[in-house]
Amino acid sequence: MNHSFQIRSATLTDMPAIHSLVRDLAIYENAEDQFVLDLSYYETEFQKKTFDALVATTDSEIIGMALYYLTFSTWKGRMMYLEDFVVKAAYRHNGIGQKLYDAFINKAKSENATMVKWQVLDWNAPAIKFYKKNNATIEDEWLNCKVIF
């Protein structure tokens, strides 16, 4: 199945679709119970520019997205963090993810970022294969830490 699609910057009206894609990702990661933010929170934070996103569209449907934010590395400088990257299952293996990823990398470069970072679950073999194909370094020496309030 070959799909015609476009990549563009997200708008406020895209937040319902982005929120839904994040839920889909949480379900895929067996963590839907941890997905607690409602749509209004997404809309508020998007308007505050807490995060931004690129979306992949076909016809009038959003079929994928890369949600990211600008951050800072004390060793490398300005960097972009890819929080979520997902393409709907029915549209995978059509080059959409690659184009979306490339658009994200180009956006980071246009923002003068010196690097991009993200996380991938150790059991997500298709994602790891995709990232390795794109010359990503998969680190194993750093452990994730967090405090949830």
N, C-alpha and C. Protein backbone atom coordinates (compact mmCIF):
# COMPACT_ATOMS: atom_id res chain seq x y z
N MET A 1 0.84 -1.16 0.00
CA MET A 1 0.00 0.00 0.00
C MET A 1 0.89 1.24 0.00
N ASN A 2 0.74 2.10 -0.99
CA ASN A 2 1.52 3.32 -1.10
C ASN A 2 0.64 4.50 -0.76
N HIS A 3 1.08 5.33 0.15
CA HIS A 3 0.30 6.46 0.61
C HIS A 3 0.99 7.77 0.23
N SER A 4 0.20 8.74 -0.19
CA SER A 4 0.68 10.09 -0.40
C SER A 4 0.57 10.80 0.94
N PHE A 5 1.62 11.48 1.35
CA PHE A 5 1.60 12.13 2.65
C PHE A 5 2.44 13.39 2.62
N GLN A 6 2.22 14.23 3.61
CA GLN A 6 2.98 15.46 3.79
C GLN A 6 3.48 15.53 5.23
N ILE A 7 4.59 16.22 5.41
CA ILE A 7 5.11 16.51 6.74
C ILE A 7 4.98 18.02 6.94
N ARG A 8 4.44 18.42 8.09
CA ARG A 8 4.30 19.85 8.37
C ARG A 8 4.41 20.09 9.88
N SER A 9 4.57 21.35 10.24
CA SER A 9 4.58 21.73 11.66
C SER A 9 3.18 21.57 12.23
N ALA A 10 3.11 21.16 13.47
CA ALA A 10 1.83 20.99 14.15
C ALA A 10 1.21 22.34 14.47
N THR A 11 -0.12 22.33 14.56
CA THR A 11 -0.87 23.51 14.98
C THR A 11 -1.72 23.11 16.19
N LEU A 12 -2.32 24.09 16.81
CA LEU A 12 -3.17 23.82 17.96
C LEU A 12 -4.31 22.85 17.60
N THR A 13 -4.85 22.97 16.41
CA THR A 13 -5.96 22.09 16.01
C THR A 13 -5.52 20.64 15.83
N ASP A 14 -4.21 20.39 15.81
CA ASP A 14 -3.69 19.03 15.70
C ASP A 14 -3.58 18.31 17.04
N MET A 15 -3.79 19.03 18.13
CA MET A 15 -3.58 18.44 19.45
C MET A 15 -4.46 17.22 19.72
N PRO A 16 -5.74 17.16 19.30
CA PRO A 16 -6.50 15.93 19.54
C PRO A 16 -5.85 14.70 18.89
N ALA A 17 -5.36 14.86 17.67
CA ALA A 17 -4.72 13.73 16.97
C ALA A 17 -3.40 13.37 17.63
N ILE A 18 -2.63 14.37 18.04
CA ILE A 18 -1.36 14.11 18.71
C ILE A 18 -1.61 13.41 20.05
N HIS A 19 -2.57 13.88 20.80
CA HIS A 19 -2.94 13.26 22.08
C HIS A 19 -3.32 11.79 21.85
N SER A 20 -4.09 11.53 20.81
CA SER A 20 -4.51 10.17 20.48
C SER A 20 -3.32 9.30 20.09
N LEU A 21 -2.38 9.84 19.33
CA LEU A 21 -1.19 9.07 18.94
C LEU A 21 -0.33 8.74 20.16
N VAL A 22 -0.25 9.67 21.10
CA VAL A 22 0.52 9.38 22.32
C VAL A 22 -0.16 8.27 23.11
N ARG A 23 -1.49 8.28 23.16
CA ARG A 23 -2.21 7.18 23.82
C ARG A 23 -1.91 5.85 23.11
N ASP A 24 -1.95 5.86 21.78
CA ASP A 24 -1.62 4.65 21.01
C ASP A 24 -0.23 4.15 21.36
N LEU A 25 0.73 5.08 21.49
CA LEU A 25 2.09 4.70 21.84
C LEU A 25 2.14 4.11 23.25
N ALA A 26 1.42 4.72 24.18
CA ALA A 26 1.38 4.20 25.56
C ALA A 26 0.80 2.78 25.59
N ILE A 27 -0.21 2.55 24.79
CA ILE A 27 -0.81 1.20 24.70
C ILE A 27 0.22 0.23 24.14
N TYR A 28 0.90 0.62 23.06
CA TYR A 28 1.94 -0.22 22.45
C TYR A 28 3.03 -0.56 23.47
N GLU A 29 3.36 0.40 24.32
CA GLU A 29 4.41 0.20 25.31
C GLU A 29 3.90 -0.43 26.61
N ASN A 30 2.66 -0.94 26.59
CA ASN A 30 2.04 -1.58 27.76
C ASN A 30 2.05 -0.66 28.97
N ALA A 31 1.76 0.62 28.73
CA ALA A 31 1.82 1.60 29.82
C ALA A 31 0.66 2.60 29.75
N GLU A 32 -0.48 2.18 29.21
CA GLU A 32 -1.59 3.11 29.08
C GLU A 32 -2.00 3.70 30.42
N ASP A 33 -1.89 2.95 31.49
CA ASP A 33 -2.26 3.45 32.81
C ASP A 33 -1.39 4.62 33.26
N GLN A 34 -0.22 4.77 32.66
CA GLN A 34 0.68 5.87 33.01
C GLN A 34 0.41 7.13 32.19
N PHE A 35 -0.42 7.01 31.17
CA PHE A 35 -0.78 8.15 30.32
C PHE A 35 -1.93 8.89 30.98
N VAL A 36 -1.62 9.97 31.71
CA VAL A 36 -2.61 10.61 32.56
C VAL A 36 -3.00 12.02 32.12
N LEU A 37 -2.35 12.57 31.12
CA LEU A 37 -2.63 13.94 30.71
C LEU A 37 -3.83 14.01 29.78
N ASP A 38 -4.69 14.99 30.02
CA ASP A 38 -5.85 15.16 29.15
C ASP A 38 -5.51 16.13 28.01
N LEU A 39 -6.42 16.21 27.06
CA LEU A 39 -6.22 17.02 25.87
C LEU A 39 -6.02 18.49 26.20
N SER A 40 -6.75 19.01 27.17
CA SER A 40 -6.62 20.43 27.49
C SER A 40 -5.21 20.76 27.99
N TYR A 41 -4.59 19.82 28.69
CA TYR A 41 -3.21 20.03 29.15
C TYR A 41 -2.27 20.14 27.95
N TYR A 42 -2.45 19.26 26.97
CA TYR A 42 -1.64 19.32 25.75
C TYR A 42 -1.82 20.67 25.06
N GLU A 43 -3.06 21.10 24.93
CA GLU A 43 -3.35 22.36 24.25
C GLU A 43 -2.71 23.54 24.97
N THR A 44 -2.80 23.56 26.29
CA THR A 44 -2.21 24.64 27.08
C THR A 44 -0.70 24.66 26.94
N GLU A 45 -0.06 23.52 27.07
CA GLU A 45 1.40 23.47 27.01
C GLU A 45 1.91 23.74 25.59
N PHE A 46 1.16 23.33 24.58
CA PHE A 46 1.54 23.63 23.21
C PHE A 46 1.50 25.15 22.99
N GLN A 47 0.46 25.81 23.50
CA GLN A 47 0.35 27.25 23.36
C GLN A 47 1.45 27.98 24.13
N LYS A 48 1.91 27.40 25.22
CA LYS A 48 3.02 27.97 26.00
C LYS A 48 4.37 27.69 25.35
N LYS A 49 4.37 26.88 24.28
CA LYS A 49 5.60 26.48 23.58
C LYS A 49 6.50 25.59 24.43
N THR A 50 5.89 24.83 25.34
CA THR A 50 6.63 23.86 26.13
C THR A 50 7.18 22.77 25.21
N PHE A 51 6.42 22.44 24.18
CA PHE A 51 6.84 21.45 23.20
C PHE A 51 6.34 21.88 21.83
N ASP A 52 6.87 21.23 20.81
CA ASP A 52 6.41 21.44 19.45
C ASP A 52 6.33 20.06 18.80
N ALA A 53 5.82 20.01 17.61
CA ALA A 53 5.69 18.72 16.94
C ALA A 53 5.65 18.92 15.43
N LEU A 54 6.05 17.87 14.75
CA LEU A 54 5.86 17.75 13.31
C LEU A 54 4.83 16.65 13.12
N VAL A 55 3.97 16.81 12.13
CA VAL A 55 2.97 15.79 11.87
C VAL A 55 3.08 15.31 10.42
N ALA A 56 2.76 14.03 10.24
CA ALA A 56 2.64 13.44 8.91
C ALA A 56 1.15 13.32 8.63
N THR A 57 0.72 13.81 7.48
CA THR A 57 -0.70 13.79 7.14
C THR A 57 -0.91 13.12 5.79
N THR A 58 -2.05 12.48 5.67
CA THR A 58 -2.51 11.97 4.39
C THR A 58 -3.97 12.38 4.28
N ASP A 59 -4.35 12.95 3.16
CA ASP A 59 -5.67 13.55 3.02
C ASP A 59 -5.85 14.53 4.17
N SER A 60 -6.82 14.32 5.03
CA SER A 60 -7.01 15.23 6.17
C SER A 60 -6.70 14.53 7.50
N GLU A 61 -6.07 13.37 7.45
CA GLU A 61 -5.80 12.59 8.66
C GLU A 61 -4.33 12.71 9.08
N ILE A 62 -4.12 12.90 10.38
CA ILE A 62 -2.76 12.86 10.92
C ILE A 62 -2.42 11.40 11.19
N ILE A 63 -1.35 10.92 10.57
CA ILE A 63 -0.99 9.51 10.64
C ILE A 63 0.32 9.25 11.39
N GLY A 64 0.97 10.33 11.78
CA GLY A 64 2.21 10.18 12.52
C GLY A 64 2.66 11.51 13.08
N MET A 65 3.58 11.45 14.04
CA MET A 65 4.08 12.69 14.61
C MET A 65 5.42 12.47 15.31
N ALA A 66 6.15 13.57 15.40
CA ALA A 66 7.38 13.64 16.18
C ALA A 66 7.21 14.81 17.12
N LEU A 67 7.13 14.54 18.42
CA LEU A 67 6.94 15.58 19.43
C LEU A 67 8.28 15.82 20.10
N TYR A 68 8.69 17.08 20.17
CA TYR A 68 10.04 17.39 20.63
C TYR A 68 10.06 18.72 21.38
N TYR A 69 11.20 18.99 22.01
CA TYR A 69 11.42 20.28 22.65
C TYR A 69 12.91 20.59 22.64
N LEU A 70 13.22 21.86 22.69
CA LEU A 70 14.59 22.33 22.75
C LEU A 70 15.08 22.24 24.19
N THR A 71 16.29 21.78 24.38
CA THR A 71 16.89 21.70 25.71
C THR A 71 18.38 22.02 25.60
N PHE A 72 19.13 21.74 26.64
CA PHE A 72 20.53 22.17 26.67
C PHE A 72 21.41 21.09 27.28
N SER A 73 22.53 20.84 26.63
CA SER A 73 23.55 19.95 27.15
C SER A 73 24.73 20.79 27.62
N THR A 74 25.14 20.60 28.85
CA THR A 74 26.26 21.38 29.37
C THR A 74 27.58 21.02 28.68
N TRP A 75 27.61 19.88 28.00
CA TRP A 75 28.82 19.47 27.29
C TRP A 75 28.77 19.81 25.81
N LYS A 76 27.57 19.77 25.23
CA LYS A 76 27.45 19.92 23.77
C LYS A 76 26.68 21.17 23.34
N GLY A 77 25.96 21.80 24.27
CA GLY A 77 25.20 23.00 23.92
C GLY A 77 23.75 22.69 23.60
N ARG A 78 23.20 23.49 22.74
CA ARG A 78 21.80 23.42 22.35
C ARG A 78 21.49 22.04 21.77
N MET A 79 20.40 21.42 22.24
CA MET A 79 20.01 20.12 21.69
C MET A 79 18.50 20.01 21.63
N MET A 80 18.04 19.08 20.82
CA MET A 80 16.62 18.82 20.67
C MET A 80 16.34 17.45 21.25
N TYR A 81 15.28 17.35 22.06
CA TYR A 81 14.90 16.08 22.64
C TYR A 81 13.63 15.58 21.97
N LEU A 82 13.70 14.40 21.42
CA LEU A 82 12.56 13.76 20.76
C LEU A 82 11.79 12.97 21.81
N GLU A 83 10.68 13.51 22.26
CA GLU A 83 9.92 12.87 23.33
C GLU A 83 9.11 11.68 22.82
N ASP A 84 8.41 11.87 21.72
CA ASP A 84 7.61 10.78 21.14
C ASP A 84 7.67 10.84 19.63
N PHE A 85 7.74 9.66 19.04
CA PHE A 85 7.85 9.51 17.58
C PHE A 85 7.01 8.29 17.22
N VAL A 86 5.93 8.50 16.47
CA VAL A 86 5.04 7.38 16.19
C VAL A 86 4.35 7.57 14.84
N VAL A 87 4.17 6.47 14.14
CA VAL A 87 3.37 6.41 12.92
C VAL A 87 2.32 5.34 13.15
N LYS A 88 1.07 5.65 12.77
CA LYS A 88 0.00 4.66 12.93
C LYS A 88 0.39 3.36 12.25
N ALA A 89 0.05 2.25 12.88
CA ALA A 89 0.46 0.92 12.40
C ALA A 89 0.08 0.68 10.94
N ALA A 90 -1.09 1.10 10.53
CA ALA A 90 -1.55 0.86 9.16
C ALA A 90 -0.72 1.59 8.11
N TYR A 91 0.07 2.57 8.53
CA TYR A 91 0.84 3.38 7.58
C TYR A 91 2.34 3.12 7.66
N ARG A 92 2.76 2.18 8.48
CA ARG A 92 4.19 1.89 8.60
C ARG A 92 4.69 1.17 7.36
N HIS A 93 6.00 1.21 7.17
CA HIS A 93 6.68 0.54 6.06
C HIS A 93 6.36 1.19 4.71
N ASN A 94 6.06 2.49 4.74
CA ASN A 94 5.83 3.25 3.52
C ASN A 94 6.77 4.45 3.42
N GLY A 95 7.78 4.52 4.28
CA GLY A 95 8.73 5.62 4.25
C GLY A 95 8.29 6.85 5.04
N ILE A 96 7.12 6.77 5.65
CA ILE A 96 6.59 7.92 6.39
C ILE A 96 7.44 8.21 7.62
N GLY A 97 7.77 7.17 8.38
CA GLY A 97 8.60 7.36 9.56
C GLY A 97 9.96 7.95 9.21
N GLN A 98 10.54 7.49 8.12
CA GLN A 98 11.85 8.02 7.71
C GLN A 98 11.75 9.49 7.35
N LYS A 99 10.72 9.87 6.61
CA LYS A 99 10.55 11.29 6.24
C LYS A 99 10.28 12.14 7.47
N LEU A 100 9.51 11.63 8.40
CA LEU A 100 9.21 12.36 9.63
C LEU A 100 10.48 12.52 10.47
N TYR A 101 11.25 11.45 10.58
CA TYR A 101 12.52 11.49 11.31
C TYR A 101 13.48 12.49 10.66
N ASP A 102 13.59 12.43 9.34
CA ASP A 102 14.46 13.36 8.60
C ASP A 102 14.03 14.80 8.83
N ALA A 103 12.72 15.04 8.82
CA ALA A 103 12.22 16.40 9.06
C ALA A 103 12.58 16.86 10.47
N PHE A 104 12.50 15.96 11.44
CA PHE A 104 12.89 16.28 12.81
C PHE A 104 14.38 16.64 12.88
N ILE A 105 15.22 15.84 12.24
CA ILE A 105 16.66 16.12 12.23
C ILE A 105 16.92 17.48 11.58
N ASN A 106 16.26 17.74 10.47
CA ASN A 106 16.44 19.03 9.79
C ASN A 106 15.95 20.19 10.66
N LYS A 107 14.87 20.00 11.40
CA LYS A 107 14.38 21.03 12.31
C LYS A 107 15.42 21.30 13.39
N ALA A 108 16.00 20.26 13.94
CA ALA A 108 17.04 20.43 14.96
C ALA A 108 18.23 21.21 14.40
N LYS A 109 18.64 20.88 13.20
CA LYS A 109 19.75 21.60 12.57
C LYS A 109 19.39 23.06 12.34
N SER A 110 18.15 23.32 11.92
CA SER A 110 17.73 24.71 11.67
C SER A 110 17.67 25.51 12.97
N GLU A 111 17.52 24.84 14.10
CA GLU A 111 17.53 25.49 15.42
C GLU A 111 18.95 25.57 16.00
N ASN A 112 19.94 25.23 15.19
CA ASN A 112 21.35 25.23 15.60
C ASN A 112 21.64 24.29 16.75
N ALA A 113 20.90 23.20 16.81
CA ALA A 113 21.18 22.17 17.82
C ALA A 113 22.45 21.44 17.42
N THR A 114 23.20 21.02 18.41
CA THR A 114 24.43 20.27 18.16
C THR A 114 24.20 18.76 18.20
N MET A 115 23.03 18.36 18.73
CA MET A 115 22.68 16.94 18.76
C MET A 115 21.20 16.79 19.07
N VAL A 116 20.72 15.59 18.87
CA VAL A 116 19.37 15.21 19.28
C VAL A 116 19.49 13.99 20.17
N LYS A 117 18.53 13.85 21.08
CA LYS A 117 18.52 12.68 21.98
C LYS A 117 17.10 12.20 22.11
N TRP A 118 16.96 10.93 22.49
CA TRP A 118 15.67 10.33 22.77
C TRP A 118 15.91 9.02 23.49
N GLN A 119 14.82 8.37 23.89
CA GLN A 119 14.90 7.05 24.52
C GLN A 119 14.16 6.05 23.65
N VAL A 120 14.55 4.80 23.77
CA VAL A 120 13.84 3.70 23.13
C VAL A 120 13.85 2.54 24.11
N LEU A 121 12.72 1.87 24.21
CA LEU A 121 12.64 0.70 25.09
C LEU A 121 13.53 -0.41 24.57
N ASP A 122 14.19 -1.11 25.47
CA ASP A 122 15.15 -2.14 25.06
C ASP A 122 14.51 -3.31 24.32
N TRP A 123 13.20 -3.51 24.44
CA TRP A 123 12.53 -4.60 23.75
C TRP A 123 11.92 -4.18 22.41
N ASN A 124 12.01 -2.89 22.07
CA ASN A 124 11.40 -2.40 20.84
C ASN A 124 12.35 -2.59 19.66
N ALA A 125 12.49 -3.83 19.23
CA ALA A 125 13.44 -4.18 18.18
C ALA A 125 13.22 -3.41 16.87
N PRO A 126 11.98 -3.22 16.39
CA PRO A 126 11.81 -2.46 15.14
C PRO A 126 12.33 -1.02 15.26
N ALA A 127 12.08 -0.38 16.39
CA ALA A 127 12.55 0.99 16.58
C ALA A 127 14.08 1.02 16.67
N ILE A 128 14.66 0.10 17.40
CA ILE A 128 16.12 0.05 17.52
C ILE A 128 16.75 -0.17 16.15
N LYS A 129 16.18 -1.05 15.37
CA LYS A 129 16.70 -1.29 14.01
C LYS A 129 16.61 -0.01 13.18
N PHE A 130 15.49 0.69 13.26
CA PHE A 130 15.31 1.94 12.53
C PHE A 130 16.37 2.96 12.94
N TYR A 131 16.58 3.14 14.25
CA TYR A 131 17.54 4.12 14.72
C TYR A 131 18.97 3.74 14.34
N LYS A 132 19.31 2.49 14.42
CA LYS A 132 20.66 2.05 14.01
C LYS A 132 20.87 2.29 12.53
N LYS A 133 19.83 2.04 11.73
CA LYS A 133 19.91 2.30 10.29
C LYS A 133 20.20 3.78 10.02
N ASN A 134 19.76 4.63 10.93
CA ASN A 134 19.97 6.07 10.81
C ASN A 134 21.18 6.55 11.60
N ASN A 135 22.10 5.63 11.89
CA ASN A 135 23.39 5.94 12.52
C ASN A 135 23.29 6.50 13.93
N ALA A 136 22.23 6.17 14.64
CA ALA A 136 22.11 6.61 16.03
C ALA A 136 23.01 5.77 16.92
N THR A 137 23.53 6.40 17.94
CA THR A 137 24.28 5.70 18.97
C THR A 137 23.28 5.23 20.02
N ILE A 138 23.24 3.93 20.27
CA ILE A 138 22.38 3.38 21.31
C ILE A 138 23.25 3.19 22.54
N GLU A 139 23.05 4.03 23.53
CA GLU A 139 23.87 4.00 24.74
C GLU A 139 23.41 2.90 25.68
N ASP A 140 24.36 2.31 26.38
CA ASP A 140 23.98 1.34 27.40
C ASP A 140 24.67 1.61 28.74
N GLU A 141 25.46 2.68 28.78
CA GLU A 141 26.17 2.95 30.03
C GLU A 141 25.45 3.94 30.95
N TRP A 142 24.48 4.69 30.43
CA TRP A 142 23.73 5.65 31.22
C TRP A 142 22.40 5.06 31.64
N LEU A 143 22.04 5.24 32.89
CA LEU A 143 20.76 4.76 33.40
C LEU A 143 19.80 5.93 33.53
N ASN A 144 18.55 5.71 33.20
CA ASN A 144 17.51 6.74 33.34
C ASN A 144 17.17 6.92 34.81
N CYS A 145 16.93 8.16 35.21
CA CYS A 145 16.50 8.47 36.56
C CYS A 145 15.30 9.41 36.48
N LYS A 146 14.39 9.31 37.42
CA LYS A 146 13.26 10.23 37.45
C LYS A 146 12.63 10.26 38.83
N VAL A 147 11.93 11.35 39.09
CA VAL A 147 11.12 11.52 40.28
C VAL A 147 9.76 11.97 39.78
N ILE A 148 8.70 11.27 40.14
CA ILE A 148 7.36 11.62 39.70
C ILE A 148 6.63 12.27 40.87
N PHE A 149 6.03 13.42 40.61
CA PHE A 149 5.29 14.14 41.66
C PHE A 149 3.82 13.89 41.55
